[in-house]
Amino acid sequence: MKTRLPFFKNWWITQAPLNLHNGEYIWCHGATFDAPILEAAFNSIETSAPFKFFNVRDTRTIYAVSGVAPDRSKGTHHNALDDAVAQAIAVIDSYKALGKA
């Protein structure tokens, strides 16, 4: 079975805004779930993940520090894309609340 992970890795790197950090950071809603799954997928095809373990960012931490929470009133509850959008917006709002935007 042919894997698409190398294509995904290349896509990942190109998605970094203005090539900021070359896509080396990953935001997860729980740092012990998403990142290890992706790392295992990359390892299974003998390629490295496009991020290092010390560059994994946890949305729950920034929400707690900023006092911001994702708005779950939009979209479908537990729909992966809707959840990801709500979480990304909440991270942006968290940065604004912390004066880092």
PDB file of N, CA and C in Angstrom:
ATOM      1  N   MET A   1       0.847  -1.187   0.000  1.00  0.00           N
ATOM      2  CA  MET A   1       0.000   0.000   0.000  1.00  0.00           C
ATOM      3  C   MET A   1       0.889   1.246   0.000  1.00  0.00           C
ATOM      4  N   LYS A   2       0.622   2.137  -0.906  1.00  0.00           N
ATOM      5  CA  LYS A   2       1.414   3.361  -1.025  1.00  0.00           C
ATOM      6  C   LYS A   2       0.896   4.385  -0.013  1.00  0.00           C
ATOM      7  N   THR A   3       1.807   5.002   0.715  1.00  0.00           N
ATOM      8  CA  THR A   3       1.418   5.962   1.737  1.00  0.00           C
ATOM      9  C   THR A   3       1.500   7.386   1.207  1.00  0.00           C
ATOM     10  N   ARG A   4       0.698   8.256   1.766  1.00  0.00           N
ATOM     11  CA  ARG A   4       0.703   9.662   1.388  1.00  0.00           C
ATOM     12  C   ARG A   4       1.418  10.526   2.425  1.00  0.00           C
ATOM     13  N   LEU A   5       2.007   9.913   3.437  1.00  0.00           N
ATOM     14  CA  LEU A   5       2.653  10.690   4.490  1.00  0.00           C
ATOM     15  C   LEU A   5       3.780  11.592   3.996  1.00  0.00           C
ATOM     16  N   PRO A   6       4.644  11.156   3.062  1.00  0.00           N
ATOM     17  CA  PRO A   6       5.668  12.092   2.586  1.00  0.00           C
ATOM     18  C   PRO A   6       5.045  13.343   1.952  1.00  0.00           C
ATOM     19  N   PHE A   7       3.947  13.170   1.231  1.00  0.00           N
ATOM     20  CA  PHE A   7       3.261  14.320   0.647  1.00  0.00           C
ATOM     21  C   PHE A   7       2.685  15.206   1.747  1.00  0.00           C
ATOM     22  N   PHE A   8       2.136  14.568   2.787  1.00  0.00           N
ATOM     23  CA  PHE A   8       1.586  15.313   3.912  1.00  0.00           C
ATOM     24  C   PHE A   8       2.684  16.106   4.615  1.00  0.00           C
ATOM     25  N   LYS A   9       3.844  15.488   4.792  1.00  0.00           N
ATOM     26  CA  LYS A   9       4.965  16.164   5.446  1.00  0.00           C
ATOM     27  C   LYS A   9       5.385  17.395   4.638  1.00  0.00           C
ATOM     28  N   ASN A  10       5.497  17.261   3.329  1.00  0.00           N
ATOM     29  CA  ASN A  10       5.851  18.405   2.488  1.00  0.00           C
ATOM     30  C   ASN A  10       4.783  19.491   2.553  1.00  0.00           C
ATOM     31  N   TRP A  11       3.528  19.083   2.529  1.00  0.00           N
ATOM     32  CA  TRP A  11       2.426  20.042   2.640  1.00  0.00           C
ATOM     33  C   TRP A  11       2.516  20.770   3.978  1.00  0.00           C
ATOM     34  N   TRP A  12       2.744  20.022   5.046  1.00  0.00           N
ATOM     35  CA  TRP A  12       2.840  20.578   6.401  1.00  0.00           C
ATOM     36  C   TRP A  12       3.859  21.716   6.443  1.00  0.00           C
ATOM     37  N   ILE A  13       5.037  21.442   5.910  1.00  0.00           N
ATOM     38  CA  ILE A  13       6.122  22.418   5.958  1.00  0.00           C
ATOM     39  C   ILE A  13       5.747  23.688   5.197  1.00  0.00           C
ATOM     40  N   THR A  14       5.007  23.546   4.100  1.00  0.00           N
ATOM     41  CA  THR A  14       4.624  24.731   3.315  1.00  0.00           C
ATOM     42  C   THR A  14       3.517  25.540   3.971  1.00  0.00           C
ATOM     43  N   GLN A  15       2.852  25.000   4.969  1.00  0.00           N
ATOM     44  CA  GLN A  15       1.724  25.686   5.591  1.00  0.00           C
ATOM     45  C   GLN A  15       2.131  26.697   6.655  1.00  0.00           C
ATOM     46  N   ALA A  16       3.368  26.677   7.072  1.00  0.00           N
ATOM     47  CA  ALA A  16       3.824  27.615   8.105  1.00  0.00           C
ATOM     48  C   ALA A  16       3.667  29.043   7.586  1.00  0.00           C
ATOM     49  N   PRO A  17       2.953  29.897   8.331  1.00  0.00           N
ATOM     50  CA  PRO A  17       2.753  31.271   7.862  1.00  0.00           C
ATOM     51  C   PRO A  17       4.076  31.987   7.651  1.00  0.00           C
ATOM     52  N   LEU A  18       4.272  32.516   6.470  1.00  0.00           N
ATOM     53  CA  LEU A  18       5.494  33.238   6.115  1.00  0.00           C
ATOM     54  C   LEU A  18       6.746  32.417   6.419  1.00  0.00           C
ATOM     55  N   ASN A  19       6.584  31.087   6.348  1.00  0.00           N
ATOM     56  CA  ASN A  19       7.683  30.164   6.618  1.00  0.00           C
ATOM     57  C   ASN A  19       8.196  30.283   8.054  1.00  0.00           C
ATOM     58  N   LEU A  20       7.352  30.783   8.950  1.00  0.00           N
ATOM     59  CA  LEU A  20       7.711  30.945  10.350  1.00  0.00           C
ATOM     60  C   LEU A  20       8.053  29.591  10.963  1.00  0.00           C
ATOM     61  N   HIS A  21       9.257  29.428  11.388  1.00  0.00           N
ATOM     62  CA  HIS A  21       9.758  28.209  12.037  1.00  0.00           C
ATOM     63  C   HIS A  21       9.662  26.983  11.135  1.00  0.00           C
ATOM     64  N   ASN A  22       9.436  27.168   9.854  1.00  0.00           N
ATOM     65  CA  ASN A  22       9.367  26.062   8.895  1.00  0.00           C
ATOM     66  C   ASN A  22       8.382  24.965   9.293  1.00  0.00           C
ATOM     67  N   GLY A  23       7.291  25.339   9.945  1.00  0.00           N
ATOM     68  CA  GLY A  23       6.270  24.365  10.310  1.00  0.00           C
ATOM     69  C   GLY A  23       6.690  23.417  11.408  1.00  0.00           C
ATOM     70  N   GLU A  24       7.680  23.797  12.197  1.00  0.00           N
ATOM     71  CA  GLU A  24       8.208  22.869  13.201  1.00  0.00           C
ATOM     72  C   GLU A  24       7.337  22.747  14.446  1.00  0.00           C
ATOM     73  N   TYR A  25       6.393  23.654  14.636  1.00  0.00           N
ATOM     74  CA  TYR A  25       5.507  23.578  15.796  1.00  0.00           C
ATOM     75  C   TYR A  25       4.207  22.873  15.441  1.00  0.00           C
ATOM     76  N   ILE A  26       3.625  22.225  16.422  1.00  0.00           N
ATOM     77  CA  ILE A  26       2.327  21.590  16.247  1.00  0.00           C
ATOM     78  C   ILE A  26       1.474  21.949  17.456  1.00  0.00           C
ATOM     79  N   TRP A  27       0.263  22.394  17.194  1.00  0.00           N
ATOM     80  CA  TRP A  27      -0.701  22.683  18.255  1.00  0.00           C
ATOM     81  C   TRP A  27      -1.637  21.494  18.362  1.00  0.00           C
ATOM     82  N   CYS A  28      -1.832  20.987  19.577  1.00  0.00           N
ATOM     83  CA  CYS A  28      -2.708  19.847  19.828  1.00  0.00           C
ATOM     84  C   CYS A  28      -3.685  20.204  20.945  1.00  0.00           C
ATOM     85  N   HIS A  29      -4.845  19.626  20.888  1.00  0.00           N
ATOM     86  CA  HIS A  29      -5.793  19.779  21.993  1.00  0.00           C
ATOM     87  C   HIS A  29      -5.577  18.581  22.910  1.00  0.00           C
ATOM     88  N   GLY A  30      -4.472  18.656  23.617  1.00  0.00           N
ATOM     89  CA  GLY A  30      -3.985  17.549  24.433  1.00  0.00           C
ATOM     90  C   GLY A  30      -2.689  17.059  23.810  1.00  0.00           C
ATOM     91  N   ALA A  31      -1.571  17.479  24.340  1.00  0.00           N
ATOM     92  CA  ALA A  31      -0.267  17.204  23.728  1.00  0.00           C
ATOM     93  C   ALA A  31       0.089  15.723  23.716  1.00  0.00           C
ATOM     94  N   THR A  32      -0.589  14.919  24.504  1.00  0.00           N
ATOM     95  CA  THR A  32      -0.250  13.495  24.564  1.00  0.00           C
ATOM     96  C   THR A  32      -1.114  12.647  23.636  1.00  0.00           C
ATOM     97  N   PHE A  33      -1.901  13.279  22.768  1.00  0.00           N
ATOM     98  CA  PHE A  33      -2.766  12.500  21.879  1.00  0.00           C
ATOM     99  C   PHE A  33      -2.375  12.668  20.409  1.00  0.00           C
ATOM    100  N   ASP A  34      -2.607  13.842  19.849  1.00  0.00           N
ATOM    101  CA  ASP A  34      -2.410  14.057  18.411  1.00  0.00           C
ATOM    102  C   ASP A  34      -0.957  13.889  17.971  1.00  0.00           C
ATOM    103  N   ALA A  35      -0.045  14.549  18.657  1.00  0.00           N
ATOM    104  CA  ALA A  35       1.364  14.508  18.239  1.00  0.00           C
ATOM    105  C   ALA A  35       1.932  13.086  18.251  1.00  0.00           C
ATOM    106  N   PRO A  36       1.722  12.291  19.302  1.00  0.00           N
ATOM    107  CA  PRO A  36       2.259  10.925  19.271  1.00  0.00           C
ATOM    108  C   PRO A  36       1.670  10.072  18.143  1.00  0.00           C
ATOM    109  N   ILE A  37       0.408  10.294  17.803  1.00  0.00           N
ATOM    110  CA  ILE A  37      -0.189   9.541  16.698  1.00  0.00           C
ATOM    111  C   ILE A  37       0.503   9.903  15.390  1.00  0.00           C
ATOM    112  N   LEU A  38       0.712  11.207  15.158  1.00  0.00           N
ATOM    113  CA  LEU A  38       1.401  11.631  13.943  1.00  0.00           C
ATOM    114  C   LEU A  38       2.847  11.140  13.918  1.00  0.00           C
ATOM    115  N   GLU A  39       3.538  11.232  15.049  1.00  0.00           N
ATOM    116  CA  GLU A  39       4.923  10.746  15.109  1.00  0.00           C
ATOM    117  C   GLU A  39       4.991   9.259  14.777  1.00  0.00           C
ATOM    118  N   ALA A  40       4.069   8.479  15.308  1.00  0.00           N
ATOM    119  CA  ALA A  40       4.060   7.039  15.034  1.00  0.00           C
ATOM    120  C   ALA A  40       3.792   6.762  13.556  1.00  0.00           C
ATOM    121  N   ALA A  41       2.915   7.552  12.952  1.00  0.00           N
ATOM    122  CA  ALA A  41       2.636   7.376  11.524  1.00  0.00           C
ATOM    123  C   ALA A  41       3.886   7.663  10.696  1.00  0.00           C
ATOM    124  N   PHE A  42       4.570   8.744  11.000  1.00  0.00           N
ATOM    125  CA  PHE A  42       5.806   9.055  10.273  1.00  0.00           C
ATOM    126  C   PHE A  42       6.865   7.983  10.519  1.00  0.00           C
ATOM    127  N   ASN A  43       7.026   7.556  11.759  1.00  0.00           N
ATOM    128  CA  ASN A  43       8.012   6.524  12.083  1.00  0.00           C
ATOM    129  C   ASN A  43       7.722   5.216  11.355  1.00  0.00           C
ATOM    130  N   SER A  44       6.442   4.918  11.144  1.00  0.00           N
ATOM    131  CA  SER A  44       6.070   3.661  10.485  1.00  0.00           C
ATOM    132  C   SER A  44       6.551   3.596   9.043  1.00  0.00           C
ATOM    133  N   ILE A  45       6.799   4.750   8.435  1.00  0.00           N
ATOM    134  CA  ILE A  45       7.329   4.753   7.068  1.00  0.00           C
ATOM    135  C   ILE A  45       8.782   5.241   7.055  1.00  0.00           C
ATOM    136  N   GLU A  46       9.396   5.169   8.219  1.00  0.00           N
ATOM    137  CA  GLU A  46      10.816   5.479   8.382  1.00  0.00           C
ATOM    138  C   GLU A  46      11.178   6.888   7.916  1.00  0.00           C
ATOM    139  N   THR A  47      10.371   7.856   8.313  1.00  0.00           N
ATOM    140  CA  THR A  47      10.673   9.259   8.087  1.00  0.00           C
ATOM    141  C   THR A  47      10.397  10.015   9.373  1.00  0.00           C
ATOM    142  N   SER A  48      11.044  11.122   9.551  1.00  0.00           N
ATOM    143  CA  SER A  48      10.854  11.876  10.788  1.00  0.00           C
ATOM    144  C   SER A  48       9.642  12.790  10.679  1.00  0.00           C
ATOM    145  N   ALA A  49       9.038  13.060  11.808  1.00  0.00           N
ATOM    146  CA  ALA A  49       7.930  14.017  11.857  1.00  0.00           C
ATOM    147  C   ALA A  49       8.478  15.410  11.583  1.00  0.00           C
ATOM    148  N   PRO A  50       7.657  16.314  11.054  1.00  0.00           N
ATOM    149  CA  PRO A  50       8.146  17.663  10.752  1.00  0.00           C
ATOM    150  C   PRO A  50       8.204  18.566  11.981  1.00  0.00           C
ATOM    151  N   PHE A  51       8.149  17.988  13.158  1.00  0.00           N
ATOM    152  CA  PHE A  51       8.225  18.749  14.401  1.00  0.00           C
ATOM    153  C   PHE A  51       8.985  17.918  15.426  1.00  0.00           C
ATOM    154  N   LYS A  52       9.553  18.597  16.416  1.00  0.00           N
ATOM    155  CA  LYS A  52      10.267  17.932  17.501  1.00  0.00           C
ATOM    156  C   LYS A  52       9.360  17.883  18.731  1.00  0.00           C
ATOM    157  N   PHE A  53       9.585  16.917  19.601  1.00  0.00           N
ATOM    158  CA  PHE A  53       8.740  16.747  20.781  1.00  0.00           C
ATOM    159  C   PHE A  53       8.672  18.021  21.621  1.00  0.00           C
ATOM    160  N   PHE A  54       9.753  18.802  21.650  1.00  0.00           N
ATOM    161  CA  PHE A  54       9.769  20.007  22.475  1.00  0.00           C
ATOM    162  C   PHE A  54       9.064  21.187  21.805  1.00  0.00           C
ATOM    163  N   ASN A  55       8.571  20.995  20.592  1.00  0.00           N
ATOM    164  CA  ASN A  55       7.807  22.036  19.901  1.00  0.00           C
ATOM    165  C   ASN A  55       6.317  21.728  19.837  1.00  0.00           C
ATOM    166  N   VAL A  56       5.873  20.746  20.612  1.00  0.00           N
ATOM    167  CA  VAL A  56       4.447  20.438  20.691  1.00  0.00           C
ATOM    168  C   VAL A  56       3.793  21.441  21.626  1.00  0.00           C
ATOM    169  N   ARG A  57       2.742  22.088  21.165  1.00  0.00           N
ATOM    170  CA  ARG A  57       2.016  23.084  21.956  1.00  0.00           C
ATOM    171  C   ARG A  57       0.637  22.543  22.281  1.00  0.00           C
ATOM    172  N   ASP A  58       0.195  22.784  23.505  1.00  0.00           N
ATOM    173  CA  ASP A  58      -1.085  22.272  23.980  1.00  0.00           C
ATOM    174  C   ASP A  58      -2.082  23.418  24.110  1.00  0.00           C
ATOM    175  N   THR A  59      -3.179  23.328  23.377  1.00  0.00           N
ATOM    176  CA  THR A  59      -4.189  24.385  23.415  1.00  0.00           C
ATOM    177  C   THR A  59      -4.762  24.568  24.815  1.00  0.00           C
ATOM    178  N   ARG A  60      -4.901  23.495  25.563  1.00  0.00           N
ATOM    179  CA  ARG A  60      -5.503  23.604  26.892  1.00  0.00           C
ATOM    180  C   ARG A  60      -4.688  24.505  27.815  1.00  0.00           C
ATOM    181  N   THR A  61      -3.376  24.510  27.643  1.00  0.00           N
ATOM    182  CA  THR A  61      -2.517  25.360  28.464  1.00  0.00           C
ATOM    183  C   THR A  61      -2.742  26.832  28.144  1.00  0.00           C
ATOM    184  N   ILE A  62      -2.741  27.181  26.865  1.00  0.00           N
ATOM    185  CA  ILE A  62      -2.921  28.592  26.521  1.00  0.00           C
ATOM    186  C   ILE A  62      -4.334  29.065  26.885  1.00  0.00           C
ATOM    187  N   TYR A  63      -5.318  28.170  26.782  1.00  0.00           N
ATOM    188  CA  TYR A  63      -6.681  28.556  27.200  1.00  0.00           C
ATOM    189  C   TYR A  63      -6.714  28.857  28.696  1.00  0.00           C
ATOM    190  N   ALA A  64      -6.056  28.020  29.496  1.00  0.00           N
ATOM    191  CA  ALA A  64      -6.054  28.216  30.944  1.00  0.00           C
ATOM    192  C   ALA A  64      -5.347  29.511  31.325  1.00  0.00           C
ATOM    193  N   VAL A  65      -4.237  29.817  30.672  1.00  0.00           N
ATOM    194  CA  VAL A  65      -3.468  31.021  30.989  1.00  0.00           C
ATOM    195  C   VAL A  65      -4.222  32.282  30.568  1.00  0.00           C
ATOM    196  N   SER A  66      -4.889  32.219  29.418  1.00  0.00           N
ATOM    197  CA  SER A  66      -5.559  33.405  28.869  1.00  0.00           C
ATOM    198  C   SER A  66      -6.997  33.574  29.351  1.00  0.00           C
ATOM    199  N   GLY A  67      -7.591  32.504  29.847  1.00  0.00           N
ATOM    200  CA  GLY A  67      -8.995  32.567  30.241  1.00  0.00           C
ATOM    201  C   GLY A  67      -9.954  32.474  29.070  1.00  0.00           C
ATOM    202  N   VAL A  68      -9.467  32.030  27.925  1.00  0.00           N
ATOM    203  CA  VAL A  68     -10.277  31.892  26.712  1.00  0.00           C
ATOM    204  C   VAL A  68     -10.645  30.422  26.535  1.00  0.00           C
ATOM    205  N   ALA A  69     -11.837  30.178  25.997  1.00  0.00           N
ATOM    206  CA  ALA A  69     -12.264  28.809  25.704  1.00  0.00           C
ATOM    207  C   ALA A  69     -12.826  28.760  24.290  1.00  0.00           C
ATOM    208  N   PRO A  70     -12.726  27.614  23.634  1.00  0.00           N
ATOM    209  CA  PRO A  70     -13.297  27.489  22.295  1.00  0.00           C
ATOM    210  C   PRO A  70     -14.809  27.682  22.320  1.00  0.00           C
ATOM    211  N   ASP A  71     -15.338  28.339  21.301  1.00  0.00           N
ATOM    212  CA  ASP A  71     -16.779  28.513  21.146  1.00  0.00           C
ATOM    213  C   ASP A  71     -17.322  27.295  20.415  1.00  0.00           C
ATOM    214  N   ARG A  72     -17.953  26.429  21.154  1.00  0.00           N
ATOM    215  CA  ARG A  72     -18.457  25.178  20.580  1.00  0.00           C
ATOM    216  C   ARG A  72     -19.903  25.298  20.101  1.00  0.00           C
ATOM    217  N   SER A  73     -20.438  26.510  20.104  1.00  0.00           N
ATOM    218  CA  SER A  73     -21.831  26.695  19.684  1.00  0.00           C
ATOM    219  C   SER A  73     -21.997  26.663  18.167  1.00  0.00           C
ATOM    220  N   LYS A  74     -20.880  26.788  17.442  1.00  0.00           N
ATOM    221  CA  LYS A  74     -20.932  26.758  15.980  1.00  0.00           C
ATOM    222  C   LYS A  74     -20.490  25.387  15.487  1.00  0.00           C
ATOM    223  N   GLY A  75     -21.080  24.947  14.403  1.00  0.00           N
ATOM    224  CA  GLY A  75     -20.685  23.668  13.819  1.00  0.00           C
ATOM    225  C   GLY A  75     -21.307  22.494  14.540  1.00  0.00           C
ATOM    226  N   THR A  76     -20.837  21.315  14.189  1.00  0.00           N
ATOM    227  CA  THR A  76     -21.341  20.061  14.742  1.00  0.00           C
ATOM    228  C   THR A  76     -20.431  19.606  15.870  1.00  0.00           C
ATOM    229  N   HIS A  77     -21.042  19.267  17.004  1.00  0.00           N
ATOM    230  CA  HIS A  77     -20.286  18.811  18.166  1.00  0.00           C
ATOM    231  C   HIS A  77     -19.483  17.560  17.811  1.00  0.00           C
ATOM    232  N   HIS A  78     -18.214  17.551  18.142  1.00  0.00           N
ATOM    233  CA  HIS A  78     -17.275  16.449  17.907  1.00  0.00           C
ATOM    234  C   HIS A  78     -17.060  16.142  16.426  1.00  0.00           C
ATOM    235  N   ASN A  79     -17.299  17.124  15.568  1.00  0.00           N
ATOM    236  CA  ASN A  79     -16.882  17.009  14.177  1.00  0.00           C
ATOM    237  C   ASN A  79     -15.439  17.496  14.133  1.00  0.00           C
ATOM    238  N   ALA A  80     -14.535  16.699  13.594  1.00  0.00           N
ATOM    239  CA  ALA A  80     -13.105  17.007  13.668  1.00  0.00           C
ATOM    240  C   ALA A  80     -12.771  18.380  13.085  1.00  0.00           C
ATOM    241  N   LEU A  81     -13.311  18.700  11.931  1.00  0.00           N
ATOM    242  CA  LEU A  81     -13.002  19.987  11.312  1.00  0.00           C
ATOM    243  C   LEU A  81     -13.591  21.138  12.122  1.00  0.00           C
ATOM    244  N   ASP A  82     -14.844  21.015  12.546  1.00  0.00           N
ATOM    245  CA  ASP A  82     -15.467  22.077  13.344  1.00  0.00           C
ATOM    246  C   ASP A  82     -14.730  22.284  14.659  1.00  0.00           C
ATOM    247  N   ASP A  83     -14.320  21.188  15.302  1.00  0.00           N
ATOM    248  CA  ASP A  83     -13.553  21.292  16.553  1.00  0.00           C
ATOM    249  C   ASP A  83     -12.214  21.986  16.307  1.00  0.00           C
ATOM    250  N   ALA A  84     -11.534  21.614  15.230  1.00  0.00           N
ATOM    251  CA  ALA A  84     -10.227  22.202  14.927  1.00  0.00           C
ATOM    252  C   ALA A  84     -10.345  23.698  14.654  1.00  0.00           C
ATOM    253  N   VAL A  85     -11.375  24.094  13.928  1.00  0.00           N
ATOM    254  CA  VAL A  85     -11.585  25.519  13.639  1.00  0.00           C
ATOM    255  C   VAL A  85     -11.843  26.281  14.940  1.00  0.00           C
ATOM    256  N   ALA A  86     -12.725  25.756  15.786  1.00  0.00           N
ATOM    257  CA  ALA A  86     -13.037  26.416  17.063  1.00  0.00           C
ATOM    258  C   ALA A  86     -11.781  26.526  17.935  1.00  0.00           C
ATOM    259  N   GLN A  87     -10.969  25.485  17.953  1.00  0.00           N
ATOM    260  CA  GLN A  87      -9.758  25.504  18.759  1.00  0.00           C
ATOM    261  C   GLN A  87      -8.737  26.499  18.206  1.00  0.00           C
ATOM    262  N   ALA A  88      -8.596  26.548  16.889  1.00  0.00           N
ATOM    263  CA  ALA A  88      -7.651  27.494  16.279  1.00  0.00           C
ATOM    264  C   ALA A  88      -8.073  28.930  16.552  1.00  0.00           C
ATOM    265  N   ILE A  89      -9.352  29.213  16.437  1.00  0.00           N
ATOM    266  CA  ILE A  89      -9.857  30.562  16.731  1.00  0.00           C
ATOM    267  C   ILE A  89      -9.595  30.910  18.191  1.00  0.00           C
ATOM    268  N   ALA A  90      -9.789  29.936  19.081  1.00  0.00           N
ATOM    269  CA  ALA A  90      -9.553  30.177  20.508  1.00  0.00           C
ATOM    270  C   ALA A  90      -8.069  30.423  20.802  1.00  0.00           C
ATOM    271  N   VAL A  91      -7.170  29.763  20.081  1.00  0.00           N
ATOM    272  CA  VAL A  91      -5.732  30.032  20.259  1.00  0.00           C
ATOM    273  C   VAL A  91      -5.422  31.458  19.814  1.00  0.00           C
ATOM    274  N   ILE A  92      -5.955  31.870  18.670  1.00  0.00           N
ATOM    275  CA  ILE A  92      -5.757  33.247  18.189  1.00  0.00           C
ATOM    276  C   ILE A  92      -6.299  34.241  19.206  1.00  0.00           C
ATOM    277  N   ASP A  93      -7.504  33.979  19.718  1.00  0.00           N
ATOM    278  CA  ASP A  93      -8.091  34.868  20.727  1.00  0.00           C
ATOM    279  C   ASP A  93      -7.265  34.870  22.016  1.00  0.00           C
ATOM    280  N   SER A  94      -6.683  33.728  22.350  1.00  0.00           N
ATOM    281  CA  SER A  94      -5.827  33.644  23.540  1.00  0.00           C
ATOM    282  C   SER A  94      -4.599  34.525  23.390  1.00  0.00           C
ATOM    283  N   TYR A  95      -3.974  34.454  22.218  1.00  0.00           N
ATOM    284  CA  TYR A  95      -2.818  35.327  21.967  1.00  0.00           C
ATOM    285  C   TYR A  95      -3.215  36.788  22.081  1.00  0.00           C
ATOM    286  N   LYS A  96      -4.369  37.144  21.547  1.00  0.00           N
ATOM    287  CA  LYS A  96      -4.852  38.528  21.655  1.00  0.00           C
ATOM    288  C   LYS A  96      -5.052  38.913  23.120  1.00  0.00           C
ATOM    289  N   ALA A  97      -5.673  38.028  23.885  1.00  0.00           N
ATOM    290  CA  ALA A  97      -5.937  38.296  25.304  1.00  0.00           C
ATOM    291  C   ALA A  97      -4.645  38.462  26.092  1.00  0.00           C
ATOM    292  N   LEU A  98      -3.607  37.770  25.649  1.00  0.00           N
ATOM    293  CA  LEU A  98      -2.314  37.865  26.330  1.00  0.00           C
ATOM    294  C   LEU A  98      -1.447  38.996  25.787  1.00  0.00           C
ATOM    295  N   GLY A  99      -1.976  39.714  24.808  1.00  0.00           N
ATOM    296  CA  GLY A  99      -1.235  40.828  24.227  1.00  0.00           C
ATOM    297  C   GLY A  99      -0.104  40.387  23.320  1.00  0.00           C
ATOM    298  N   LYS A 100      -0.222  39.180  22.750  1.00  0.00           N
ATOM    299  CA  LYS A 100       0.841  38.649  21.907  1.00  0.00           C
ATOM    300  C   LYS A 100       0.490  38.669  20.420  1.00  0.00           C
ATOM    301  N   ALA A 101      -0.653  39.231  20.073  1.00  0.00           N
ATOM    302  CA  ALA A 101      -1.094  39.207  18.668  1.00  0.00           C
ATOM    303  C   ALA A 101      -0.439  40.310  17.875  1.00  0.00           C
TER     304      ALA A 101
END
